[in-house]
Amino acid sequence: MLTAIIPKLPMRDMAATRTYYTAQLDFTVVGEYGHYLILERDGLQLHFFLSSELDPKDNDGQVYIRTDNVDTLHRSLVSRGVAIHPNGGLQTKPWGQREFALLDPDHNLLTFGQAV
């Protein structure tokens, strides 16, 4: 039966994506195959494929990542200078999630949330 879901997101530059996710978000590289990059943190993977013609302003890539301590994660990222999305500051939403969001270098939207 189903055991996991792994998002596949576009990237324009593998080195820039690798650096952002490893240096800023604490992911590790677990695979790099030609124009394909696999990153992992806390047992969760994100996969990226090269899309050199991608216009970040037209990118609709989005991932919702659940966490068990959204406040600590938010504090950790902010203390490192990771830019939080201007419309995605940490807040409790009407749908019962406390969440925040950020954009990676290719404007893939990453939303981190925890049930309240």
PDB file of N, CA and C in Angstrom:
ATOM      1  N   MET A   1       0.830  -1.184   0.000  1.00  0.00           N
ATOM      2  CA  MET A   1       0.000   0.000   0.000  1.00  0.00           C
ATOM      3  C   MET A   1       0.878   1.253   0.000  1.00  0.00           C
ATOM      4  N   LEU A   2       0.260   2.417   0.041  1.00  0.00           N
ATOM      5  CA  LEU A   2       1.003   3.671  -0.017  1.00  0.00           C
ATOM      6  C   LEU A   2       1.858   3.851   1.235  1.00  0.00           C
ATOM      7  N   THR A   3       3.091   4.326   1.055  1.00  0.00           N
ATOM      8  CA  THR A   3       3.981   4.493   2.207  1.00  0.00           C
ATOM      9  C   THR A   3       4.587   5.889   2.317  1.00  0.00           C
ATOM     10  N   ALA A   4       4.593   6.672   1.247  1.00  0.00           N
ATOM     11  CA  ALA A   4       5.187   8.009   1.312  1.00  0.00           C
ATOM     12  C   ALA A   4       4.736   8.801   0.096  1.00  0.00           C
ATOM     13  N   ILE A   5       4.866  10.101   0.212  1.00  0.00           N
ATOM     14  CA  ILE A   5       4.658  10.979  -0.933  1.00  0.00           C
ATOM     15  C   ILE A   5       5.881  11.881  -1.024  1.00  0.00           C
ATOM     16  N   ILE A   6       6.437  11.978  -2.225  1.00  0.00           N
ATOM     17  CA  ILE A   6       7.671  12.742  -2.397  1.00  0.00           C
ATOM     18  C   ILE A   6       7.453  13.782  -3.495  1.00  0.00           C
ATOM     19  N   PRO A   7       7.434  15.050  -3.131  1.00  0.00           N
ATOM     20  CA  PRO A   7       7.252  16.103  -4.125  1.00  0.00           C
ATOM     21  C   PRO A   7       8.450  16.183  -5.071  1.00  0.00           C
ATOM     22  N   LYS A   8       8.161  16.484  -6.327  1.00  0.00           N
ATOM     23  CA  LYS A   8       9.191  16.731  -7.334  1.00  0.00           C
ATOM     24  C   LYS A   8       8.999  18.169  -7.792  1.00  0.00           C
ATOM     25  N   LEU A   9      10.006  18.998  -7.533  1.00  0.00           N
ATOM     26  CA  LEU A   9       9.906  20.430  -7.788  1.00  0.00           C
ATOM     27  C   LEU A   9      10.918  20.865  -8.847  1.00  0.00           C
ATOM     28  N   PRO A  10      10.593  21.906  -9.602  1.00  0.00           N
ATOM     29  CA  PRO A  10      11.530  22.403 -10.607  1.00  0.00           C
ATOM     30  C   PRO A  10      12.634  23.251  -9.975  1.00  0.00           C
ATOM     31  N   MET A  11      13.797  23.231 -10.617  1.00  0.00           N
ATOM     32  CA  MET A  11      14.921  24.088 -10.209  1.00  0.00           C
ATOM     33  C   MET A  11      15.612  24.585 -11.474  1.00  0.00           C
ATOM     34  N   ARG A  12      16.164  25.774 -11.405  1.00  0.00           N
ATOM     35  CA  ARG A  12      16.907  26.323 -12.547  1.00  0.00           C
ATOM     36  C   ARG A  12      18.385  26.008 -12.461  1.00  0.00           C
ATOM     37  N   ASP A  13      18.906  25.913 -11.248  1.00  0.00           N
ATOM     38  CA  ASP A  13      20.350  25.777 -11.045  1.00  0.00           C
ATOM     39  C   ASP A  13      20.579  24.806  -9.892  1.00  0.00           C
ATOM     40  N   MET A  14      21.136  23.649 -10.193  1.00  0.00           N
ATOM     41  CA  MET A  14      21.309  22.613  -9.181  1.00  0.00           C
ATOM     42  C   MET A  14      22.193  23.084  -8.025  1.00  0.00           C
ATOM     43  N   ALA A  15      23.260  23.785  -8.320  1.00  0.00           N
ATOM     44  CA  ALA A  15      24.165  24.250  -7.259  1.00  0.00           C
ATOM     45  C   ALA A  15      23.457  25.225  -6.324  1.00  0.00           C
ATOM     46  N   ALA A  16      22.680  26.138  -6.877  1.00  0.00           N
ATOM     47  CA  ALA A  16      21.952  27.111  -6.050  1.00  0.00           C
ATOM     48  C   ALA A  16      20.907  26.413  -5.180  1.00  0.00           C
ATOM     49  N   THR A  17      20.200  25.445  -5.752  1.00  0.00           N
ATOM     50  CA  THR A  17      19.193  24.697  -4.986  1.00  0.00           C
ATOM     51  C   THR A  17      19.858  23.904  -3.877  1.00  0.00           C
ATOM     52  N   ARG A  18      20.934  23.194  -4.211  1.00  0.00           N
ATOM     53  CA  ARG A  18      21.671  22.406  -3.218  1.00  0.00           C
ATOM     54  C   ARG A  18      22.133  23.302  -2.070  1.00  0.00           C
ATOM     55  N   THR A  19      22.743  24.419  -2.395  1.00  0.00           N
ATOM     56  CA  THR A  19      23.262  25.331  -1.377  1.00  0.00           C
ATOM     57  C   THR A  19      22.150  25.878  -0.490  1.00  0.00           C
ATOM     58  N   TYR A  20      21.061  26.315  -1.082  1.00  0.00           N
ATOM     59  CA  TYR A  20      19.962  26.875  -0.293  1.00  0.00           C
ATOM     60  C   TYR A  20      19.410  25.847   0.692  1.00  0.00           C
ATOM     61  N   TYR A  21      19.099  24.672   0.193  1.00  0.00           N
ATOM     62  CA  TYR A  21      18.483  23.668   1.055  1.00  0.00           C
ATOM     63  C   TYR A  21      19.444  23.098   2.099  1.00  0.00           C
ATOM     64  N   THR A  22      20.711  22.958   1.762  1.00  0.00           N
ATOM     65  CA  THR A  22      21.654  22.406   2.740  1.00  0.00           C
ATOM     66  C   THR A  22      22.120  23.475   3.731  1.00  0.00           C
ATOM     67  N   ALA A  23      22.492  24.652   3.258  1.00  0.00           N
ATOM     68  CA  ALA A  23      23.028  25.693   4.137  1.00  0.00           C
ATOM     69  C   ALA A  23      21.938  26.413   4.927  1.00  0.00           C
ATOM     70  N   GLN A  24      20.776  26.629   4.320  1.00  0.00           N
ATOM     71  CA  GLN A  24      19.728  27.396   4.973  1.00  0.00           C
ATOM     72  C   GLN A  24      18.706  26.530   5.710  1.00  0.00           C
ATOM     73  N   LEU A  25      18.347  25.377   5.128  1.00  0.00           N
ATOM     74  CA  LEU A  25      17.250  24.588   5.679  1.00  0.00           C
ATOM     75  C   LEU A  25      17.677  23.255   6.288  1.00  0.00           C
ATOM     76  N   ASP A  26      18.971  22.984   6.358  1.00  0.00           N
ATOM     77  CA  ASP A  26      19.512  21.770   6.997  1.00  0.00           C
ATOM     78  C   ASP A  26      19.145  20.454   6.315  1.00  0.00           C
ATOM     79  N   PHE A  27      18.901  20.484   5.025  1.00  0.00           N
ATOM     80  CA  PHE A  27      18.704  19.239   4.287  1.00  0.00           C
ATOM     81  C   PHE A  27      20.071  18.677   3.934  1.00  0.00           C
ATOM     82  N   THR A  28      20.135  17.392   3.638  1.00  0.00           N
ATOM     83  CA  THR A  28      21.365  16.770   3.152  1.00  0.00           C
ATOM     84  C   THR A  28      21.096  16.202   1.766  1.00  0.00           C
ATOM     85  N   VAL A  29      22.145  16.167   0.972  1.00  0.00           N
ATOM     86  CA  VAL A  29      22.043  15.589  -0.361  1.00  0.00           C
ATOM     87  C   VAL A  29      22.124  14.075  -0.216  1.00  0.00           C
ATOM     88  N   VAL A  30      21.133  13.369  -0.748  1.00  0.00           N
ATOM     89  CA  VAL A  30      21.163  11.906  -0.720  1.00  0.00           C
ATOM     90  C   VAL A  30      21.249  11.325  -2.125  1.00  0.00           C
ATOM     91  N   GLY A  31      21.177  12.174  -3.133  1.00  0.00           N
ATOM     92  CA  GLY A  31      21.325  11.703  -4.502  1.00  0.00           C
ATOM     93  C   GLY A  31      21.438  12.853  -5.474  1.00  0.00           C
ATOM     94  N   GLU A  32      22.315  12.673  -6.450  1.00  0.00           N
ATOM     95  CA  GLU A  32      22.506  13.667  -7.501  1.00  0.00           C
ATOM     96  C   GLU A  32      22.781  12.887  -8.776  1.00  0.00           C
ATOM     97  N   TYR A  33      21.871  12.962  -9.726  1.00  0.00           N
ATOM     98  CA  TYR A  33      21.941  12.144 -10.934  1.00  0.00           C
ATOM     99  C   TYR A  33      21.706  13.023 -12.147  1.00  0.00           C
ATOM    100  N   GLY A  34      22.784  13.447 -12.776  1.00  0.00           N
ATOM    101  CA  GLY A  34      22.644  14.323 -13.945  1.00  0.00           C
ATOM    102  C   GLY A  34      21.942  15.614 -13.570  1.00  0.00           C
ATOM    103  N   HIS A  35      20.707  15.754 -14.025  1.00  0.00           N
ATOM    104  CA  HIS A  35      19.924  16.969 -13.769  1.00  0.00           C
ATOM    105  C   HIS A  35      18.843  16.730 -12.720  1.00  0.00           C
ATOM    106  N   TYR A  36      19.099  15.821 -11.793  1.00  0.00           N
ATOM    107  CA  TYR A  36      18.114  15.441 -10.780  1.00  0.00           C
ATOM    108  C   TYR A  36      18.792  15.452  -9.413  1.00  0.00           C
ATOM    109  N   LEU A  37      18.136  16.067  -8.436  1.00  0.00           N
ATOM    110  CA  LEU A  37      18.703  16.230  -7.101  1.00  0.00           C
ATOM    111  C   LEU A  37      17.713  15.710  -6.060  1.00  0.00           C
ATOM    112  N   ILE A  38      18.213  14.932  -5.102  1.00  0.00           N
ATOM    113  CA  ILE A  38      17.382  14.413  -4.017  1.00  0.00           C
ATOM    114  C   ILE A  38      17.956  14.913  -2.689  1.00  0.00           C
ATOM    115  N   LEU A  39      17.103  15.570  -1.913  1.00  0.00           N
ATOM    116  CA  LEU A  39      17.494  16.121  -0.621  1.00  0.00           C
ATOM    117  C   LEU A  39      16.618  15.513   0.464  1.00  0.00           C
ATOM    118  N   GLU A  40      17.163  15.452   1.689  1.00  0.00           N
ATOM    119  CA  GLU A  40      16.425  14.828   2.785  1.00  0.00           C
ATOM    120  C   GLU A  40      16.686  15.556   4.093  1.00  0.00           C
ATOM    121  N   ARG A  41      15.644  15.617   4.903  1.00  0.00           N
ATOM    122  CA  ARG A  41      15.771  16.117   6.277  1.00  0.00           C
ATOM    123  C   ARG A  41      14.743  15.370   7.126  1.00  0.00           C
ATOM    124  N   ASP A  42      15.178  14.879   8.270  1.00  0.00           N
ATOM    125  CA  ASP A  42      14.292  14.188   9.215  1.00  0.00           C
ATOM    126  C   ASP A  42      13.496  13.063   8.546  1.00  0.00           C
ATOM    127  N   GLY A  43      14.123  12.375   7.606  1.00  0.00           N
ATOM    128  CA  GLY A  43      13.475  11.248   6.943  1.00  0.00           C
ATOM    129  C   GLY A  43      12.525  11.625   5.819  1.00  0.00           C
ATOM    130  N   LEU A  44      12.386  12.910   5.536  1.00  0.00           N
ATOM    131  CA  LEU A  44      11.521  13.374   4.446  1.00  0.00           C
ATOM    132  C   LEU A  44      12.372  13.815   3.269  1.00  0.00           C
ATOM    133  N   GLN A  45      11.940  13.458   2.074  1.00  0.00           N
ATOM    134  CA  GLN A  45      12.693  13.815   0.878  1.00  0.00           C
ATOM    135  C   GLN A  45      11.950  14.822   0.014  1.00  0.00           C
ATOM    136  N   LEU A  46      12.744  15.658  -0.642  1.00  0.00           N
ATOM    137  CA  LEU A  46      12.278  16.521  -1.723  1.00  0.00           C
ATOM    138  C   LEU A  46      13.135  16.178  -2.931  1.00  0.00           C
ATOM    139  N   HIS A  47      12.514  16.023  -4.080  1.00  0.00           N
ATOM    140  CA  HIS A  47      13.233  15.759  -5.321  1.00  0.00           C
ATOM    141  C   HIS A  47      13.115  16.990  -6.215  1.00  0.00           C
ATOM    142  N   PHE A  48      14.180  17.263  -6.957  1.00  0.00           N
ATOM    143  CA  PHE A  48      14.219  18.425  -7.847  1.00  0.00           C
ATOM    144  C   PHE A  48      14.684  17.992  -9.227  1.00  0.00           C
ATOM    145  N   PHE A  49      14.063  18.552 -10.248  1.00  0.00           N
ATOM    146  CA  PHE A  49      14.460  18.293 -11.630  1.00  0.00           C
ATOM    147  C   PHE A  49      14.843  19.606 -12.284  1.00  0.00           C
ATOM    148  N   LEU A  50      15.830  19.547 -13.165  1.00  0.00           N
ATOM    149  CA  LEU A  50      16.310  20.747 -13.842  1.00  0.00           C
ATOM    150  C   LEU A  50      15.253  21.259 -14.805  1.00  0.00           C
ATOM    151  N   SER A  51      14.985  22.544 -14.717  1.00  0.00           N
ATOM    152  CA  SER A  51      14.045  23.231 -15.595  1.00  0.00           C
ATOM    153  C   SER A  51      14.666  24.580 -15.926  1.00  0.00           C
ATOM    154  N   SER A  52      15.665  24.560 -16.824  1.00  0.00           N
ATOM    155  CA  SER A  52      16.454  25.769 -17.087  1.00  0.00           C
ATOM    156  C   SER A  52      15.639  26.949 -17.607  1.00  0.00           C
ATOM    157  N   GLU A  53      14.527  26.670 -18.237  1.00  0.00           N
ATOM    158  CA  GLU A  53      13.698  27.752 -18.796  1.00  0.00           C
ATOM    159  C   GLU A  53      12.660  28.265 -17.797  1.00  0.00           C
ATOM    160  N   LEU A  54      12.670  27.751 -16.583  1.00  0.00           N
ATOM    161  CA  LEU A  54      11.685  28.131 -15.576  1.00  0.00           C
ATOM    162  C   LEU A  54      11.756  29.622 -15.283  1.00  0.00           C
ATOM    163  N   ASP A  55      10.618  30.279 -15.314  1.00  0.00           N
ATOM    164  CA  ASP A  55      10.518  31.668 -14.863  1.00  0.00           C
ATOM    165  C   ASP A  55       9.975  31.602 -13.435  1.00  0.00           C
ATOM    166  N   PRO A  56      10.797  31.950 -12.432  1.00  0.00           N
ATOM    167  CA  PRO A  56      10.361  31.804 -11.040  1.00  0.00           C
ATOM    168  C   PRO A  56       9.038  32.515 -10.743  1.00  0.00           C
ATOM    169  N   LYS A  57       8.777  33.624 -11.426  1.00  0.00           N
ATOM    170  CA  LYS A  57       7.537  34.369 -11.172  1.00  0.00           C
ATOM    171  C   LYS A  57       6.308  33.599 -11.658  1.00  0.00           C
ATOM    172  N   ASP A  58       6.508  32.599 -12.513  1.00  0.00           N
ATOM    173  CA  ASP A  58       5.402  31.783 -13.017  1.00  0.00           C
ATOM    174  C   ASP A  58       5.372  30.394 -12.397  1.00  0.00           C
ATOM    175  N   ASN A  59       6.231  30.139 -11.427  1.00  0.00           N
ATOM    176  CA  ASN A  59       6.321  28.810 -10.822  1.00  0.00           C
ATOM    177  C   ASN A  59       5.218  28.628  -9.775  1.00  0.00           C
ATOM    178  N   ASP A  60       4.435  27.572  -9.932  1.00  0.00           N
ATOM    179  CA  ASP A  60       3.371  27.270  -8.978  1.00  0.00           C
ATOM    180  C   ASP A  60       3.719  26.096  -8.063  1.00  0.00           C
ATOM    181  N   GLY A  61       5.010  25.688  -8.016  1.00  0.00           N
ATOM    182  CA  GLY A  61       5.415  24.575  -7.165  1.00  0.00           C
ATOM    183  C   GLY A  61       5.158  24.892  -5.697  1.00  0.00           C
ATOM    184  N   GLN A  62       4.496  23.965  -5.004  1.00  0.00           N
ATOM    185  CA  GLN A  62       4.176  24.156  -3.586  1.00  0.00           C
ATOM    186  C   GLN A  62       4.263  22.834  -2.843  1.00  0.00           C
ATOM    187  N   VAL A  63       4.709  22.915  -1.592  1.00  0.00           N
ATOM    188  CA  VAL A  63       4.761  21.741  -0.725  1.00  0.00           C
ATOM    189  C   VAL A  63       4.308  22.176   0.665  1.00  0.00           C
ATOM    190  N   TYR A  64       3.468  21.350   1.294  1.00  0.00           N
ATOM    191  CA  TYR A  64       3.068  21.582   2.680  1.00  0.00           C
ATOM    192  C   TYR A  64       3.778  20.527   3.515  1.00  0.00           C
ATOM    193  N   ILE A  65       4.580  20.987   4.474  1.00  0.00           N
ATOM    194  CA  ILE A  65       5.385  20.087   5.297  1.00  0.00           C
ATOM    195  C   ILE A  65       4.907  20.193   6.739  1.00  0.00           C
ATOM    196  N   ARG A  66       4.432  19.102   7.270  1.00  0.00           N
ATOM    197  CA  ARG A  66       3.991  19.095   8.670  1.00  0.00           C
ATOM    198  C   ARG A  66       5.203  18.916   9.582  1.00  0.00           C
ATOM    199  N   THR A  67       5.136  19.567  10.727  1.00  0.00           N
ATOM    200  CA  THR A  67       6.200  19.497  11.714  1.00  0.00           C
ATOM    201  C   THR A  67       5.576  19.307  13.096  1.00  0.00           C
ATOM    202  N   ASP A  68       6.362  18.842  14.046  1.00  0.00           N
ATOM    203  CA  ASP A  68       5.826  18.692  15.399  1.00  0.00           C
ATOM    204  C   ASP A  68       6.250  19.842  16.315  1.00  0.00           C
ATOM    205  N   ASN A  69       6.973  20.839  15.766  1.00  0.00           N
ATOM    206  CA  ASN A  69       7.329  22.012  16.555  1.00  0.00           C
ATOM    207  C   ASN A  69       7.579  23.196  15.623  1.00  0.00           C
ATOM    208  N   VAL A  70       6.506  23.745  15.102  1.00  0.00           N
ATOM    209  CA  VAL A  70       6.605  24.812  14.114  1.00  0.00           C
ATOM    210  C   VAL A  70       7.252  26.076  14.686  1.00  0.00           C
ATOM    211  N   ASP A  71       7.003  26.377  15.957  1.00  0.00           N
ATOM    212  CA  ASP A  71       7.581  27.590  16.547  1.00  0.00           C
ATOM    213  C   ASP A  71       9.108  27.504  16.623  1.00  0.00           C
ATOM    214  N   THR A  72       9.617  26.360  17.059  1.00  0.00           N
ATOM    215  CA  THR A  72      11.066  26.184  17.142  1.00  0.00           C
ATOM    216  C   THR A  72      11.694  26.216  15.750  1.00  0.00           C
ATOM    217  N   LEU A  73      11.067  25.550  14.791  1.00  0.00           N
ATOM    218  CA  LEU A  73      11.582  25.565  13.426  1.00  0.00           C
ATOM    219  C   LEU A  73      11.609  26.988  12.878  1.00  0.00           C
ATOM    220  N   HIS A  74      10.554  27.728  13.077  1.00  0.00           N
ATOM    221  CA  HIS A  74      10.480  29.117  12.611  1.00  0.00           C
ATOM    222  C   HIS A  74      11.590  29.950  13.240  1.00  0.00           C
ATOM    223  N   ARG A  75      11.748  29.859  14.563  1.00  0.00           N
ATOM    224  CA  ARG A  75      12.808  30.607  15.263  1.00  0.00           C
ATOM    225  C   ARG A  75      14.182  30.257  14.712  1.00  0.00           C
ATOM    226  N   SER A  76      14.420  28.981  14.495  1.00  0.00           N
ATOM    227  CA  SER A  76      15.709  28.523  13.987  1.00  0.00           C
ATOM    228  C   SER A  76      16.009  29.115  12.610  1.00  0.00           C
ATOM    229  N   LEU A  77      15.034  29.091  11.736  1.00  0.00           N
ATOM    230  CA  LEU A  77      15.247  29.616  10.386  1.00  0.00           C
ATOM    231  C   LEU A  77      15.431  31.136  10.400  1.00  0.00           C
ATOM    232  N   VAL A  78      14.608  31.832  11.153  1.00  0.00           N
ATOM    233  CA  VAL A  78      14.721  33.292  11.241  1.00  0.00           C
ATOM    234  C   VAL A  78      16.070  33.686  11.825  1.00  0.00           C
ATOM    235  N   SER A  79      16.540  32.960  12.840  1.00  0.00           N
ATOM    236  CA  SER A  79      17.826  33.309  13.458  1.00  0.00           C
ATOM    237  C   SER A  79      18.988  33.131  12.484  1.00  0.00           C
ATOM    238  N   ARG A  80      18.802  32.287  11.483  1.00  0.00           N
ATOM    239  CA  ARG A  80      19.833  32.102  10.455  1.00  0.00           C
ATOM    240  C   ARG A  80      19.696  33.061   9.292  1.00  0.00           C
ATOM    241  N   GLY A  81      18.669  33.875   9.323  1.00  0.00           N
ATOM    242  CA  GLY A  81      18.476  34.844   8.252  1.00  0.00           C
ATOM    243  C   GLY A  81      17.705  34.313   7.057  1.00  0.00           C
ATOM    244  N   VAL A  82      17.014  33.181   7.221  1.00  0.00           N
ATOM    245  CA  VAL A  82      16.194  32.658   6.130  1.00  0.00           C
ATOM    246  C   VAL A  82      14.991  33.579   5.966  1.00  0.00           C
ATOM    247  N   ALA A  83      14.768  34.027   4.750  1.00  0.00           N
ATOM    248  CA  ALA A  83      13.646  34.933   4.481  1.00  0.00           C
ATOM    249  C   ALA A  83      12.324  34.181   4.535  1.00  0.00           C
ATOM    250  N   ILE A  84      11.417  34.684   5.349  1.00  0.00           N
ATOM    251  CA  ILE A  84      10.059  34.151   5.440  1.00  0.00           C
ATOM    252  C   ILE A  84       9.225  34.904   4.398  1.00  0.00           C
ATOM    253  N   HIS A  85       8.299  34.207   3.760  1.00  0.00           N
ATOM    254  CA  HIS A  85       7.449  34.831   2.734  1.00  0.00           C
ATOM    255  C   HIS A  85       6.740  36.036   3.348  1.00  0.00           C
ATOM    256  N   PRO A  86       6.689  37.172   2.630  1.00  0.00           N
ATOM    257  CA  PRO A  86       6.055  38.376   3.190  1.00  0.00           C
ATOM    258  C   PRO A  86       4.599  38.154   3.615  1.00  0.00           C
ATOM    259  N   ASN A  87       3.897  37.240   2.949  1.00  0.00           N
ATOM    260  CA  ASN A  87       2.507  36.943   3.317  1.00  0.00           C
ATOM    261  C   ASN A  87       2.403  35.631   4.087  1.00  0.00           C
ATOM    262  N   GLY A  88       3.534  35.111   4.550  1.00  0.00           N
ATOM    263  CA  GLY A  88       3.532  33.794   5.177  1.00  0.00           C
ATOM    264  C   GLY A  88       4.140  33.772   6.551  1.00  0.00           C
ATOM    265  N   GLY A  89       3.979  34.849   7.300  1.00  0.00           N
ATOM    266  CA  GLY A  89       4.516  34.875   8.655  1.00  0.00           C
ATOM    267  C   GLY A  89       3.846  33.844   9.555  1.00  0.00           C
ATOM    268  N   LEU A  90       4.501  33.497  10.622  1.00  0.00           N
ATOM    269  CA  LEU A  90       3.997  32.494  11.556  1.00  0.00           C
ATOM    270  C   LEU A  90       2.683  32.960  12.173  1.00  0.00           C
ATOM    271  N   GLN A  91       1.650  32.152  11.990  1.00  0.00           N
ATOM    272  CA  GLN A  91       0.348  32.466  12.576  1.00  0.00           C
ATOM    273  C   GLN A  91      -0.528  31.223  12.641  1.00  0.00           C
ATOM    274  N   THR A  92      -1.532  31.297  13.492  1.00  0.00           N
ATOM    275  CA  THR A  92      -2.499  30.213  13.602  1.00  0.00           C
ATOM    276  C   THR A  92      -3.636  30.492  12.626  1.00  0.00           C
ATOM    277  N   LYS A  93      -3.928  29.497  11.794  1.00  0.00           N
ATOM    278  CA  LYS A  93      -4.923  29.650  10.733  1.00  0.00           C
ATOM    279  C   LYS A  93      -6.283  29.109  11.181  1.00  0.00           C
ATOM    280  N   PRO A  94      -7.362  29.558  10.554  1.00  0.00           N
ATOM    281  CA  PRO A  94      -8.706  29.088  10.923  1.00  0.00           C
ATOM    282  C   PRO A  94      -8.903  27.585  10.712  1.00  0.00           C
ATOM    283  N   TRP A  95      -8.075  26.970   9.879  1.00  0.00           N
ATOM    284  CA  TRP A  95      -8.214  25.535   9.609  1.00  0.00           C
ATOM    285  C   TRP A  95      -7.450  24.677  10.614  1.00  0.00           C
ATOM    286  N   GLY A  96      -7.023  25.295  11.731  1.00  0.00           N
ATOM    287  CA  GLY A  96      -6.440  24.525  12.821  1.00  0.00           C
ATOM    288  C   GLY A  96      -4.961  24.211  12.678  1.00  0.00           C
ATOM    289  N   GLN A  97      -4.254  24.991  11.885  1.00  0.00           N
ATOM    290  CA  GLN A  97      -2.815  24.804  11.722  1.00  0.00           C
ATOM    291  C   GLN A  97      -2.095  26.090  12.126  1.00  0.00           C
ATOM    292  N   ARG A  98      -0.960  25.930  12.780  1.00  0.00           N
ATOM    293  CA  ARG A  98      -0.037  27.054  13.023  1.00  0.00           C
ATOM    294  C   ARG A  98       1.033  26.874  11.979  1.00  0.00           C
ATOM    295  N   GLU A  99       1.261  27.897  11.146  1.00  0.00           N
ATOM    296  CA  GLU A  99       2.135  27.711   9.999  1.00  0.00           C
ATOM    297  C   GLU A  99       2.838  28.983   9.562  1.00  0.00           C
ATOM    298  N   PHE A 100       3.877  28.772   8.744  1.00  0.00           N
ATOM    299  CA  PHE A 100       4.586  29.864   8.076  1.00  0.00           C
ATOM    300  C   PHE A 100       5.062  29.331   6.732  1.00  0.00           C
ATOM    301  N   ALA A 101       5.481  30.254   5.860  1.00  0.00           N
ATOM    302  CA  ALA A 101       5.879  29.849   4.517  1.00  0.00           C
ATOM    303  C   ALA A 101       7.118  30.618   4.067  1.00  0.00           C
ATOM    304  N   LEU A 102       7.824  30.015   3.121  1.00  0.00           N
ATOM    305  CA  LEU A 102       8.971  30.671   2.502  1.00  0.00           C
ATOM    306  C   LEU A 102       9.051  30.254   1.041  1.00  0.00           C
ATOM    307  N   LEU A 103       9.839  30.997   0.291  1.00  0.00           N
ATOM    308  CA  LEU A 103      10.068  30.700  -1.119  1.00  0.00           C
ATOM    309  C   LEU A 103      11.517  30.302  -1.302  1.00  0.00           C
ATOM    310  N   ASP A 104      11.753  29.219  -2.045  1.00  0.00           N
ATOM    311  CA  ASP A 104      13.130  28.847  -2.349  1.00  0.00           C
ATOM    312  C   ASP A 104      13.619  29.702  -3.528  1.00  0.00           C
ATOM    313  N   PRO A 105      14.860  29.540  -3.982  1.00  0.00           N
ATOM    314  CA  PRO A 105      15.384  30.402  -5.050  1.00  0.00           C
ATOM    315  C   PRO A 105      14.586  30.342  -6.355  1.00  0.00           C
ATOM    316  N   ASP A 106      13.813  29.285  -6.564  1.00  0.00           N
ATOM    317  CA  ASP A 106      13.006  29.165  -7.780  1.00  0.00           C
ATOM    318  C   ASP A 106      11.540  29.462  -7.536  1.00  0.00           C
ATOM    319  N   HIS A 107      11.237  29.999  -6.376  1.00  0.00           N
ATOM    320  CA  HIS A 107       9.887  30.373  -5.958  1.00  0.00           C
ATOM    321  C   HIS A 107       8.966  29.183  -5.751  1.00  0.00           C
ATOM    322  N   ASN A 108       9.539  28.022  -5.409  1.00  0.00           N
ATOM    323  CA  ASN A 108       8.720  26.926  -4.906  1.00  0.00           C
ATOM    324  C   ASN A 108       8.298  27.347  -3.504  1.00  0.00           C
ATOM    325  N   LEU A 109       7.004  27.302  -3.226  1.00  0.00           N
ATOM    326  CA  LEU A 109       6.485  27.701  -1.933  1.00  0.00           C
ATOM    327  C   LEU A 109       6.530  26.536  -0.959  1.00  0.00           C
ATOM    328  N   LEU A 110       7.224  26.721   0.152  1.00  0.00           N
ATOM    329  CA  LEU A 110       7.298  25.708   1.207  1.00  0.00           C
ATOM    330  C   LEU A 110       6.521  26.240   2.398  1.00  0.00           C
ATOM    331  N   THR A 111       5.471  25.537   2.791  1.00  0.00           N
ATOM    332  CA  THR A 111       4.696  25.916   3.961  1.00  0.00           C
ATOM    333  C   THR A 111       4.919  24.855   5.028  1.00  0.00           C
ATOM    334  N   PHE A 112       5.273  25.299   6.228  1.00  0.00           N
ATOM    335  CA  PHE A 112       5.524  24.406   7.350  1.00  0.00           C
ATOM    336  C   PHE A 112       4.384  24.608   8.343  1.00  0.00           C
ATOM    337  N   GLY A 113       3.736  23.517   8.770  1.00  0.00           N
ATOM    338  CA  GLY A 113       2.600  23.655   9.657  1.00  0.00           C
ATOM    339  C   GLY A 113       2.508  22.576  10.707  1.00  0.00           C
ATOM    340  N   GLN A 114       1.809  22.919  11.770  1.00  0.00           N
ATOM    341  CA  GLN A 114       1.575  22.021  12.895  1.00  0.00           C
ATOM    342  C   GLN A 114       0.134  22.187  13.338  1.00  0.00           C
ATOM    343  N   ALA A 115      -0.536  21.056  13.609  1.00  0.00           N
ATOM    344  CA  ALA A 115      -1.898  21.110  14.127  1.00  0.00           C
ATOM    345  C   ALA A 115      -1.908  21.738  15.514  1.00  0.00           C
ATOM    346  N   VAL A 116      -2.921  22.569  15.762  1.00  0.00           N
ATOM    347  CA  VAL A 116      -3.056  23.198  17.089  1.00  0.00           C
ATOM    348  C   VAL A 116      -4.267  22.637  17.811  1.00  0.00           C
TER     349      VAL A 116
END
